[in-house]
Amino acid sequence: MNIRFLFSTSLFVLALSSCNSNESGELQDIPEPTPPVETKKEIKISTDVATLTRVTDTGFDYSDRCGLYVVNRKGDDRLLTTGNHVDNMRFTYNGTWTPDTPIFWLDNETHADFYFYYPYQQNITDVAGVNVSVKNDQSTEAGYKASEVLSGVVRDVAPTETAVKILAVHLMSQVQIVLAAGNGFTEESLKAAQVAVTLNGVKTAGTLDIANQTVTAKGEASSVRPLLANGVYKALIVPQTVEECNLITVNVDGRDFNLPKAFTFEAGKSHKFTVTLSKTSNGINVNISGWETDDVDHGGIAE
């Protein structure tokens, strides 16, 4: 048998196996199969509110808008104003959070940090100094809600197809004022009276540091009118220490009752002021207890 002939025939068969013929019978090369392209996962988020102090006390409302930054963990993981994996993407709440345009993880391996803030601002020039403020008039639900500032940070998250859960914490301080009838008043007469409550000597502007989840008060002091809801006057205050002044003024049928007081409003805390109106002392008896009980009676008498 001719070994050279067999070898040549084998080579010819192998060549034929790597080719295909078109309609004219001409041989064509069969392309190598293309490896599957890695499919990137879409980024989704969900939120919980740490301490419910919203007007509805149920969390976010439909049409609320937040901003989201995503930073890939690849060495220097600092949040930047621009140049992150995702920069200030606006999400709208409609039962779930929906971005203006879909966003995706870098790949299926790289972990990322998430920075959430509320309410959304379109033009942010410094993520460590975002201008925020509370309304001077919070006597309506719209004014109260517009004073809310929330932030959430989740670090070192692996790519996932499920929503990244973000815990949103309150960065403002909440004040709750309850009026009680003292000497010269009854509950009925107090309910029938024309009553106006004002918080005085507080700064209403501040700067938000998104990464550190802090708000720092700035600007001049002014006054805030709280919202009356279910018998409680509520207001959101920029965290700050207020020097002694007429911190609370309660006007009853044209007569002012002033409480001189210094106080520190802490972020994420709800400070309850029970104000007992007393005509006999020509002032107010006040008991203040922190939302987190500190076992200290801060009460006093204002004349």
C-alpha atoms as a PDB file:
ATOM      1  CA  MET A   1       0.000   0.000   0.000  1.00  0.00           C
ATOM      2  CA  ASN A   2       1.236   3.485  -0.843  1.00  0.00           C
ATOM      3  CA  ILE A   3       1.639   5.244   2.524  1.00  0.00           C
ATOM      4  CA  ARG A   4       2.278   8.610   0.838  1.00  0.00           C
ATOM      5  CA  PHE A   5      -1.060   8.302  -0.993  1.00  0.00           C
ATOM      6  CA  LEU A   6      -2.956   7.585   2.226  1.00  0.00           C
ATOM      7  CA  PHE A   7      -1.371  10.559   3.982  1.00  0.00           C
ATOM      8  CA  SER A   8      -2.280  12.921   1.127  1.00  0.00           C
ATOM      9  CA  THR A   9      -5.833  11.607   1.071  1.00  0.00           C
ATOM     10  CA  SER A  10      -6.176  12.220   4.830  1.00  0.00           C
ATOM     11  CA  LEU A  11      -5.057  15.801   4.459  1.00  0.00           C
ATOM     12  CA  PHE A  12      -7.605  16.335   1.687  1.00  0.00           C
ATOM     13  CA  VAL A  13     -10.434  14.961   3.837  1.00  0.00           C
ATOM     14  CA  LEU A  14      -9.447  17.211   6.762  1.00  0.00           C
ATOM     15  CA  ALA A  15      -9.446  20.219   4.476  1.00  0.00           C
ATOM     16  CA  LEU A  16     -12.900  19.326   3.219  1.00  0.00           C
ATOM     17  CA  SER A  17     -14.174  19.003   6.822  1.00  0.00           C
ATOM     18  CA  SER A  18     -13.240  22.641   7.575  1.00  0.00           C
ATOM     19  CA  CYS A  19     -15.005  23.972   4.510  1.00  0.00           C
ATOM     20  CA  ASN A  20     -18.512  24.235   3.227  1.00  0.00           C
ATOM     21  CA  SER A  21     -19.847  24.729  -0.267  1.00  0.00           C
ATOM     22  CA  ASN A  22     -22.114  27.509  -1.452  1.00  0.00           C
ATOM     23  CA  GLU A  23     -24.882  27.133  -4.031  1.00  0.00           C
ATOM     24  CA  SER A  24     -22.345  27.110  -6.902  1.00  0.00           C
ATOM     25  CA  GLY A  25     -20.433  24.303  -5.253  1.00  0.00           C
ATOM     26  CA  GLU A  26     -17.461  26.452  -4.276  1.00  0.00           C
ATOM     27  CA  LEU A  27     -15.794  25.598  -0.998  1.00  0.00           C
ATOM     28  CA  GLN A  28     -16.019  28.198   1.806  1.00  0.00           C
ATOM     29  CA  ASP A  29     -14.345  28.414   5.194  1.00  0.00           C
ATOM     30  CA  ILE A  30     -16.651  27.834   8.203  1.00  0.00           C
ATOM     31  CA  PRO A  31     -16.058  30.621  10.762  1.00  0.00           C
ATOM     32  CA  GLU A  32     -15.000  29.696  14.251  1.00  0.00           C
ATOM     33  CA  PRO A  33     -17.906  29.940  16.772  1.00  0.00           C
ATOM     34  CA  THR A  34     -17.998  33.295  18.620  1.00  0.00           C
ATOM     35  CA  PRO A  35     -17.843  32.960  22.429  1.00  0.00           C
ATOM     36  CA  PRO A  36     -21.032  34.236  24.143  1.00  0.00           C
ATOM     37  CA  VAL A  37     -20.974  37.907  25.136  1.00  0.00           C
ATOM     38  CA  GLU A  38     -21.181  38.494  28.899  1.00  0.00           C
ATOM     39  CA  THR A  39     -24.597  40.031  29.680  1.00  0.00           C
ATOM     40  CA  LYS A  40     -24.391  42.908  32.126  1.00  0.00           C
ATOM     41  CA  LYS A  41     -26.922  43.004  34.932  1.00  0.00           C
ATOM     42  CA  GLU A  42     -29.191  46.010  35.277  1.00  0.00           C
ATOM     43  CA  ILE A  43     -28.834  48.013  38.492  1.00  0.00           C
ATOM     44  CA  LYS A  44     -32.034  48.158  40.555  1.00  0.00           C
ATOM     45  CA  ILE A  45     -32.617  49.648  43.996  1.00  0.00           C
ATOM     46  CA  SER A  46     -35.194  49.443  46.778  1.00  0.00           C
ATOM     47  CA  THR A  47     -35.417  51.521  49.951  1.00  0.00           C
ATOM     48  CA  ASP A  48     -36.434  51.331  53.570  1.00  0.00           C
ATOM     49  CA  VAL A  49     -36.810  54.452  55.714  1.00  0.00           C
ATOM     50  CA  ALA A  50     -34.979  54.115  59.019  1.00  0.00           C
ATOM     51  CA  THR A  51     -37.248  56.184  61.239  1.00  0.00           C
ATOM     52  CA  LEU A  52     -40.589  57.187  59.792  1.00  0.00           C
ATOM     53  CA  THR A  53     -41.164  60.900  60.248  1.00  0.00           C
ATOM     54  CA  ARG A  54     -42.710  61.630  56.859  1.00  0.00           C
ATOM     55  CA  VAL A  55     -46.101  63.335  56.694  1.00  0.00           C
ATOM     56  CA  THR A  56     -47.682  60.025  55.740  1.00  0.00           C
ATOM     57  CA  ASP A  57     -45.461  58.051  58.158  1.00  0.00           C
ATOM     58  CA  THR A  58     -45.298  55.286  55.551  1.00  0.00           C
ATOM     59  CA  GLY A  59     -42.123  56.076  53.629  1.00  0.00           C
ATOM     60  CA  PHE A  60     -41.855  57.469  50.116  1.00  0.00           C
ATOM     61  CA  ASP A  61     -44.751  58.871  48.126  1.00  0.00           C
ATOM     62  CA  TYR A  62     -45.505  58.402  44.438  1.00  0.00           C
ATOM     63  CA  SER A  63     -43.542  60.773  42.171  1.00  0.00           C
ATOM     64  CA  ASP A  64     -40.808  61.298  44.791  1.00  0.00           C
ATOM     65  CA  ARG A  65     -37.408  61.665  43.113  1.00  0.00           C
ATOM     66  CA  CYS A  66     -33.989  60.707  44.460  1.00  0.00           C
ATOM     67  CA  GLY A  67     -30.429  60.764  43.149  1.00  0.00           C
ATOM     68  CA  LEU A  68     -27.998  57.820  42.982  1.00  0.00           C
ATOM     69  CA  TYR A  69     -24.227  57.613  42.622  1.00  0.00           C
ATOM     70  CA  VAL A  70     -22.441  54.291  42.045  1.00  0.00           C
ATOM     71  CA  VAL A  71     -18.696  53.906  42.632  1.00  0.00           C
ATOM     72  CA  ASN A  72     -16.835  50.795  41.452  1.00  0.00           C
ATOM     73  CA  ARG A  73     -14.461  49.282  44.000  1.00  0.00           C
ATOM     74  CA  LYS A  74     -11.235  49.303  42.024  1.00  0.00           C
ATOM     75  CA  GLY A  75      -8.608  50.843  44.268  1.00  0.00           C
ATOM     76  CA  ASP A  76      -9.550  54.445  45.034  1.00  0.00           C
ATOM     77  CA  ASP A  77     -13.193  54.089  45.994  1.00  0.00           C
ATOM     78  CA  ARG A  78     -13.933  57.719  46.877  1.00  0.00           C
ATOM     79  CA  LEU A  79     -17.176  59.291  45.777  1.00  0.00           C
ATOM     80  CA  LEU A  80     -16.422  62.042  43.256  1.00  0.00           C
ATOM     81  CA  THR A  81     -18.657  64.795  41.971  1.00  0.00           C
ATOM     82  CA  THR A  82     -18.231  63.420  38.427  1.00  0.00           C
ATOM     83  CA  GLY A  83     -16.428  60.476  36.886  1.00  0.00           C
ATOM     84  CA  ASN A  84     -18.051  57.733  38.966  1.00  0.00           C
ATOM     85  CA  HIS A  85     -19.559  54.639  37.379  1.00  0.00           C
ATOM     86  CA  VAL A  86     -22.971  56.321  37.766  1.00  0.00           C
ATOM     87  CA  ASP A  87     -23.273  60.063  38.384  1.00  0.00           C
ATOM     88  CA  ASN A  88     -26.418  61.488  39.977  1.00  0.00           C
ATOM     89  CA  MET A  89     -28.909  59.286  38.160  1.00  0.00           C
ATOM     90  CA  ARG A  90     -32.449  60.418  38.878  1.00  0.00           C
ATOM     91  CA  PHE A  91     -34.902  57.765  40.065  1.00  0.00           C
ATOM     92  CA  THR A  92     -38.669  58.272  40.361  1.00  0.00           C
ATOM     93  CA  TYR A  93     -40.804  56.357  42.832  1.00  0.00           C
ATOM     94  CA  ASN A  94     -43.955  54.693  41.512  1.00  0.00           C
ATOM     95  CA  GLY A  95     -44.151  51.770  43.901  1.00  0.00           C
ATOM     96  CA  THR A  96     -40.614  50.880  42.857  1.00  0.00           C
ATOM     97  CA  TRP A  97     -37.691  53.132  41.942  1.00  0.00           C
ATOM     98  CA  THR A  98     -37.271  53.678  38.188  1.00  0.00           C
ATOM     99  CA  PRO A  99     -34.224  55.466  36.685  1.00  0.00           C
ATOM    100  CA  ASP A 100     -34.522  58.001  33.887  1.00  0.00           C
ATOM    101  CA  THR A 101     -32.463  55.595  31.764  1.00  0.00           C
ATOM    102  CA  PRO A 102     -31.427  52.007  32.575  1.00  0.00           C
ATOM    103  CA  ILE A 103     -28.036  51.639  34.277  1.00  0.00           C
ATOM    104  CA  PHE A 104     -25.893  48.514  34.495  1.00  0.00           C
ATOM    105  CA  TRP A 105     -23.114  47.046  36.599  1.00  0.00           C
ATOM    106  CA  LEU A 106     -19.614  47.396  35.167  1.00  0.00           C
ATOM    107  CA  ASP A 107     -19.414  43.617  34.741  1.00  0.00           C
ATOM    108  CA  ASN A 108     -20.444  40.503  36.625  1.00  0.00           C
ATOM    109  CA  GLU A 109     -17.483  40.607  39.006  1.00  0.00           C
ATOM    110  CA  THR A 110     -16.739  44.175  40.142  1.00  0.00           C
ATOM    111  CA  HIS A 111     -18.255  45.219  43.480  1.00  0.00           C
ATOM    112  CA  ALA A 112     -19.625  48.735  43.935  1.00  0.00           C
ATOM    113  CA  ASP A 113     -20.638  51.324  46.554  1.00  0.00           C
ATOM    114  CA  PHE A 114     -24.053  53.007  46.373  1.00  0.00           C
ATOM    115  CA  TYR A 115     -24.829  56.577  47.483  1.00  0.00           C
ATOM    116  CA  PHE A 116     -28.490  57.550  47.644  1.00  0.00           C
ATOM    117  CA  TYR A 117     -29.920  60.948  48.557  1.00  0.00           C
ATOM    118  CA  TYR A 118     -33.337  62.614  48.609  1.00  0.00           C
ATOM    119  CA  PRO A 119     -34.686  64.925  47.291  1.00  0.00           C
ATOM    120  CA  TYR A 120     -33.080  64.961  43.859  1.00  0.00           C
ATOM    121  CA  GLN A 121     -31.103  67.970  42.638  1.00  0.00           C
ATOM    122  CA  GLN A 122     -30.131  68.222  38.989  1.00  0.00           C
ATOM    123  CA  ASN A 123     -27.033  70.413  39.191  1.00  0.00           C
ATOM    124  CA  ILE A 124     -24.613  69.277  41.911  1.00  0.00           C
ATOM    125  CA  THR A 125     -21.193  70.902  41.768  1.00  0.00           C
ATOM    126  CA  ASP A 126     -19.808  69.345  44.962  1.00  0.00           C
ATOM    127  CA  VAL A 127     -21.005  66.059  46.482  1.00  0.00           C
ATOM    128  CA  ALA A 128     -19.528  67.146  49.823  1.00  0.00           C
ATOM    129  CA  GLY A 129     -21.361  70.482  49.835  1.00  0.00           C
ATOM    130  CA  VAL A 130     -24.855  70.133  48.389  1.00  0.00           C
ATOM    131  CA  ASN A 131     -27.088  73.065  49.335  1.00  0.00           C
ATOM    132  CA  VAL A 132     -30.176  71.985  51.267  1.00  0.00           C
ATOM    133  CA  SER A 133     -32.745  73.809  53.383  1.00  0.00           C
ATOM    134  CA  VAL A 134     -35.960  73.482  55.346  1.00  0.00           C
ATOM    135  CA  LYS A 135     -38.990  75.648  54.714  1.00  0.00           C
ATOM    136  CA  ASN A 136     -39.766  78.549  57.026  1.00  0.00           C
ATOM    137  CA  ASP A 137     -43.440  77.748  56.558  1.00  0.00           C
ATOM    138  CA  GLN A 138     -44.012  74.064  57.260  1.00  0.00           C
ATOM    139  CA  SER A 139     -47.617  74.569  58.294  1.00  0.00           C
ATOM    140  CA  THR A 140     -48.799  72.650  55.205  1.00  0.00           C
ATOM    141  CA  GLU A 141     -48.018  69.053  54.281  1.00  0.00           C
ATOM    142  CA  ALA A 142     -46.259  70.285  51.149  1.00  0.00           C
ATOM    143  CA  GLY A 143     -44.023  72.627  53.159  1.00  0.00           C
ATOM    144  CA  TYR A 144     -43.188  69.941  55.707  1.00  0.00           C
ATOM    145  CA  LYS A 145     -42.398  67.306  53.111  1.00  0.00           C
ATOM    146  CA  ALA A 146     -40.250  69.731  51.099  1.00  0.00           C
ATOM    147  CA  SER A 147     -38.020  70.107  54.186  1.00  0.00           C
ATOM    148  CA  GLU A 148     -37.060  66.429  54.320  1.00  0.00           C
ATOM    149  CA  VAL A 149     -33.506  65.274  53.524  1.00  0.00           C
ATOM    150  CA  LEU A 150     -32.646  61.560  53.448  1.00  0.00           C
ATOM    151  CA  SER A 151     -29.465  59.689  52.634  1.00  0.00           C
ATOM    152  CA  GLY A 152     -28.371  56.081  52.307  1.00  0.00           C
ATOM    153  CA  VAL A 153     -24.998  54.432  51.722  1.00  0.00           C
ATOM    154  CA  VAL A 154     -24.359  50.753  50.957  1.00  0.00           C
ATOM    155  CA  ARG A 155     -20.795  49.611  50.387  1.00  0.00           C
ATOM    156  CA  ASP A 156     -19.109  46.654  48.697  1.00  0.00           C
ATOM    157  CA  VAL A 157     -22.128  45.218  46.890  1.00  0.00           C
ATOM    158  CA  ALA A 158     -21.596  42.297  44.509  1.00  0.00           C
ATOM    159  CA  PRO A 159     -23.317  42.459  41.093  1.00  0.00           C
ATOM    160  CA  THR A 160     -26.816  41.067  41.400  1.00  0.00           C
ATOM    161  CA  GLU A 161     -30.014  40.846  39.415  1.00  0.00           C
ATOM    162  CA  THR A 162     -32.087  41.673  42.485  1.00  0.00           C
ATOM    163  CA  ALA A 163     -32.631  45.209  43.780  1.00  0.00           C
ATOM    164  CA  VAL A 164     -29.937  46.626  46.063  1.00  0.00           C
ATOM    165  CA  LYS A 165     -31.674  47.491  49.350  1.00  0.00           C
ATOM    166  CA  ILE A 166     -30.728  50.907  50.719  1.00  0.00           C
ATOM    167  CA  LEU A 167     -31.600  52.092  54.220  1.00  0.00           C
ATOM    168  CA  ALA A 168     -32.455  55.797  54.014  1.00  0.00           C
ATOM    169  CA  VAL A 169     -31.764  57.722  57.210  1.00  0.00           C
ATOM    170  CA  HIS A 170     -33.119  61.114  58.222  1.00  0.00           C
ATOM    171  CA  LEU A 171     -30.459  63.829  58.194  1.00  0.00           C
ATOM    172  CA  MET A 172     -32.662  66.557  59.636  1.00  0.00           C
ATOM    173  CA  SER A 173     -33.901  66.808  63.206  1.00  0.00           C
ATOM    174  CA  GLN A 174     -37.598  66.608  63.974  1.00  0.00           C
ATOM    175  CA  VAL A 175     -39.455  68.653  66.558  1.00  0.00           C
ATOM    176  CA  GLN A 176     -42.811  67.575  67.971  1.00  0.00           C
ATOM    177  CA  ILE A 177     -44.686  70.099  70.097  1.00  0.00           C
ATOM    178  CA  VAL A 178     -47.740  69.081  72.104  1.00  0.00           C
ATOM    179  CA  LEU A 179     -49.825  71.778  73.808  1.00  0.00           C
ATOM    180  CA  ALA A 180     -51.439  70.983  77.165  1.00  0.00           C
ATOM    181  CA  ALA A 181     -53.888  73.035  79.246  1.00  0.00           C
ATOM    182  CA  GLY A 182     -52.482  74.388  82.501  1.00  0.00           C
ATOM    183  CA  ASN A 183     -53.791  76.930  85.026  1.00  0.00           C
ATOM    184  CA  GLY A 184     -56.374  79.196  83.448  1.00  0.00           C
ATOM    185  CA  PHE A 185     -56.996  76.879  80.502  1.00  0.00           C
ATOM    186  CA  THR A 186     -59.084  73.824  79.811  1.00  0.00           C
ATOM    187  CA  GLU A 187     -58.673  71.394  76.988  1.00  0.00           C
ATOM    188  CA  GLU A 188     -61.904  72.745  75.499  1.00  0.00           C
ATOM    189  CA  SER A 189     -60.902  76.404  75.740  1.00  0.00           C
ATOM    190  CA  LEU A 190     -57.498  75.642  74.262  1.00  0.00           C
ATOM    191  CA  LYS A 191     -59.068  73.801  71.337  1.00  0.00           C
ATOM    192  CA  ALA A 192     -61.448  76.702  70.727  1.00  0.00           C
ATOM    193  CA  ALA A 193     -58.683  79.342  70.843  1.00  0.00           C
ATOM    194  CA  GLN A 194     -56.770  80.764  67.901  1.00  0.00           C
ATOM    195  CA  VAL A 195     -53.326  79.204  68.353  1.00  0.00           C
ATOM    196  CA  ALA A 196     -50.096  79.769  66.424  1.00  0.00           C
ATOM    197  CA  VAL A 197     -46.794  78.061  67.231  1.00  0.00           C
ATOM    198  CA  THR A 198     -43.370  79.277  66.080  1.00  0.00           C
ATOM    199  CA  LEU A 199     -39.830  77.960  66.495  1.00  0.00           C
ATOM    200  CA  ASN A 200     -37.315  80.810  66.692  1.00  0.00           C
ATOM    201  CA  GLY A 201     -33.579  81.337  66.313  1.00  0.00           C
ATOM    202  CA  VAL A 202     -32.949  78.397  63.980  1.00  0.00           C
ATOM    203  CA  LYS A 203     -30.897  78.317  60.785  1.00  0.00           C
ATOM    204  CA  THR A 204     -32.911  76.918  57.896  1.00  0.00           C
ATOM    205  CA  ALA A 205     -30.062  76.376  55.390  1.00  0.00           C
ATOM    206  CA  GLY A 206     -27.298  73.783  55.365  1.00  0.00           C
ATOM    207  CA  THR A 207     -24.837  71.774  53.264  1.00  0.00           C
ATOM    208  CA  LEU A 208     -25.167  68.042  52.671  1.00  0.00           C
ATOM    209  CA  ASP A 209     -22.148  65.728  52.463  1.00  0.00           C
ATOM    210  CA  ILE A 210     -23.551  62.754  50.549  1.00  0.00           C
ATOM    211  CA  ALA A 211     -20.734  60.314  51.323  1.00  0.00           C
ATOM    212  CA  ASN A 212     -20.594  61.095  55.049  1.00  0.00           C
ATOM    213  CA  GLN A 213     -24.385  61.486  55.422  1.00  0.00           C
ATOM    214  CA  THR A 214     -24.181  64.753  57.342  1.00  0.00           C
ATOM    215  CA  VAL A 215     -25.850  68.148  57.094  1.00  0.00           C
ATOM    216  CA  THR A 216     -24.137  71.247  58.488  1.00  0.00           C
ATOM    217  CA  ALA A 217     -26.167  74.349  59.298  1.00  0.00           C
ATOM    218  CA  LYS A 218     -25.235  77.670  57.721  1.00  0.00           C
ATOM    219  CA  GLY A 219     -26.635  81.150  57.205  1.00  0.00           C
ATOM    220  CA  GLU A 220     -28.701  83.439  59.376  1.00  0.00           C
ATOM    221  CA  ALA A 221     -31.186  82.322  61.993  1.00  0.00           C
ATOM    222  CA  SER A 222     -34.898  82.747  61.350  1.00  0.00           C
ATOM    223  CA  SER A 223     -38.182  81.179  62.432  1.00  0.00           C
ATOM    224  CA  VAL A 224     -40.193  78.104  61.402  1.00  0.00           C
ATOM    225  CA  ARG A 225     -43.929  77.519  61.510  1.00  0.00           C
ATOM    226  CA  PRO A 226     -44.673  73.830  62.189  1.00  0.00           C
ATOM    227  CA  LEU A 227     -47.372  71.578  60.752  1.00  0.00           C
ATOM    228  CA  LEU A 228     -50.333  70.664  62.952  1.00  0.00           C
ATOM    229  CA  ALA A 229     -51.189  66.997  62.382  1.00  0.00           C
ATOM    230  CA  ASN A 230     -53.273  64.871  64.723  1.00  0.00           C
ATOM    231  CA  GLY A 231     -52.867  67.318  67.590  1.00  0.00           C
ATOM    232  CA  VAL A 232     -49.069  67.531  67.288  1.00  0.00           C
ATOM    233  CA  TYR A 233     -47.060  70.421  65.838  1.00  0.00           C
ATOM    234  CA  LYS A 234     -44.211  68.983  63.737  1.00  0.00           C
ATOM    235  CA  ALA A 235     -41.257  70.655  62.054  1.00  0.00           C
ATOM    236  CA  LEU A 236     -37.991  69.562  60.468  1.00  0.00           C
ATOM    237  CA  ILE A 237     -34.913  71.482  61.619  1.00  0.00           C
ATOM    238  CA  VAL A 238     -31.363  71.550  60.268  1.00  0.00           C
ATOM    239  CA  PRO A 239     -29.124  69.907  62.946  1.00  0.00           C
ATOM    240  CA  GLN A 240     -27.582  72.671  65.042  1.00  0.00           C
ATOM    241  CA  THR A 241     -27.095  74.115  68.484  1.00  0.00           C
ATOM    242  CA  VAL A 242     -29.252  77.140  69.227  1.00  0.00           C
ATOM    243  CA  GLU A 243     -28.082  79.643  71.808  1.00  0.00           C
ATOM    244  CA  GLU A 244     -30.586  80.759  74.409  1.00  0.00           C
ATOM    245  CA  CYS A 245     -33.438  82.720  72.871  1.00  0.00           C
ATOM    246  CA  ASN A 246     -37.232  82.601  72.804  1.00  0.00           C
ATOM    247  CA  LEU A 247     -36.981  79.155  71.278  1.00  0.00           C
ATOM    248  CA  ILE A 248     -40.741  78.515  71.173  1.00  0.00           C
ATOM    249  CA  THR A 249     -43.499  81.079  70.922  1.00  0.00           C
ATOM    250  CA  VAL A 250     -47.111  80.030  71.379  1.00  0.00           C
ATOM    251  CA  ASN A 251     -49.641  82.706  70.537  1.00  0.00           C
ATOM    252  CA  VAL A 252     -53.055  82.072  72.072  1.00  0.00           C
ATOM    253  CA  ASP A 253     -55.807  84.480  71.023  1.00  0.00           C
ATOM    254  CA  GLY A 254     -53.263  87.225  70.374  1.00  0.00           C
ATOM    255  CA  ARG A 255     -51.170  86.688  73.501  1.00  0.00           C
ATOM    256  CA  ASP A 256     -47.579  85.401  73.219  1.00  0.00           C
ATOM    257  CA  PHE A 257     -46.144  82.812  75.581  1.00  0.00           C
ATOM    258  CA  ASN A 258     -42.359  82.653  75.083  1.00  0.00           C
ATOM    259  CA  LEU A 259     -39.936  79.991  76.192  1.00  0.00           C
ATOM    260  CA  PRO A 260     -36.312  81.175  76.558  1.00  0.00           C
ATOM    261  CA  LYS A 261     -34.217  78.091  75.934  1.00  0.00           C
ATOM    262  CA  ALA A 262     -30.945  76.853  74.424  1.00  0.00           C
ATOM    263  CA  PHE A 263     -31.146  73.528  72.645  1.00  0.00           C
ATOM    264  CA  THR A 264     -29.209  71.127  70.415  1.00  0.00           C
ATOM    265  CA  PHE A 265     -31.146  69.611  67.540  1.00  0.00           C
ATOM    266  CA  GLU A 266     -29.593  66.276  66.568  1.00  0.00           C
ATOM    267  CA  ALA A 267     -29.739  64.627  63.156  1.00  0.00           C
ATOM    268  CA  GLY A 268     -32.101  61.702  62.911  1.00  0.00           C
ATOM    269  CA  LYS A 269     -33.716  62.394  66.286  1.00  0.00           C
ATOM    270  CA  SER A 270     -37.234  63.487  67.107  1.00  0.00           C
ATOM    271  CA  HIS A 271     -37.339  65.877  70.066  1.00  0.00           C
ATOM    272  CA  LYS A 272     -40.660  66.085  71.870  1.00  0.00           C
ATOM    273  CA  PHE A 273     -41.689  69.285  73.619  1.00  0.00           C
ATOM    274  CA  THR A 274     -44.744  69.047  75.871  1.00  0.00           C
ATOM    275  CA  VAL A 275     -45.820  72.637  76.438  1.00  0.00           C
ATOM    276  CA  THR A 276     -48.223  73.289  79.314  1.00  0.00           C
ATOM    277  CA  LEU A 277     -49.840  76.706  79.001  1.00  0.00           C
ATOM    278  CA  SER A 278     -50.457  78.434  82.316  1.00  0.00           C
ATOM    279  CA  LYS A 279     -52.025  81.869  82.741  1.00  0.00           C
ATOM    280  CA  THR A 280     -51.186  81.909  86.434  1.00  0.00           C
ATOM    281  CA  SER A 281     -47.451  81.842  85.864  1.00  0.00           C
ATOM    282  CA  ASN A 282     -47.850  84.137  82.857  1.00  0.00           C
ATOM    283  CA  GLY A 283     -45.821  81.705  80.846  1.00  0.00           C
ATOM    284  CA  ILE A 284     -45.280  78.122  79.827  1.00  0.00           C
ATOM    285  CA  ASN A 285     -44.262  75.033  81.718  1.00  0.00           C
ATOM    286  CA  VAL A 286     -42.166  72.906  79.415  1.00  0.00           C
ATOM    287  CA  ASN A 287     -41.028  69.301  79.681  1.00  0.00           C
ATOM    288  CA  ILE A 288     -38.684  68.116  76.933  1.00  0.00           C
ATOM    289  CA  SER A 289     -37.682  64.515  76.417  1.00  0.00           C
ATOM    290  CA  GLY A 290     -35.498  63.231  73.615  1.00  0.00           C
ATOM    291  CA  TRP A 291     -36.784  60.739  71.082  1.00  0.00           C
ATOM    292  CA  GLU A 292     -34.038  58.531  72.494  1.00  0.00           C
ATOM    293  CA  THR A 293     -34.699  58.806  76.213  1.00  0.00           C
ATOM    294  CA  ASP A 294     -31.856  60.501  78.045  1.00  0.00           C
ATOM    295  CA  ASP A 295     -33.535  60.390  81.495  1.00  0.00           C
ATOM    296  CA  VAL A 296     -32.979  64.128  81.945  1.00  0.00           C
ATOM    297  CA  ASP A 297     -35.802  66.580  82.618  1.00  0.00           C
ATOM    298  CA  HIS A 298     -35.097  69.679  80.520  1.00  0.00           C
ATOM    299  CA  GLY A 299     -38.205  71.474  81.725  1.00  0.00           C
ATOM    300  CA  GLY A 300     -38.535  75.072  82.777  1.00  0.00           C
ATOM    301  CA  ILE A 301     -40.928  77.970  83.208  1.00  0.00           C
ATOM    302  CA  ALA A 302     -41.192  80.817  80.727  1.00  0.00           C
ATOM    303  CA  GLU A 303     -42.624  84.147  81.830  1.00  0.00           C
END
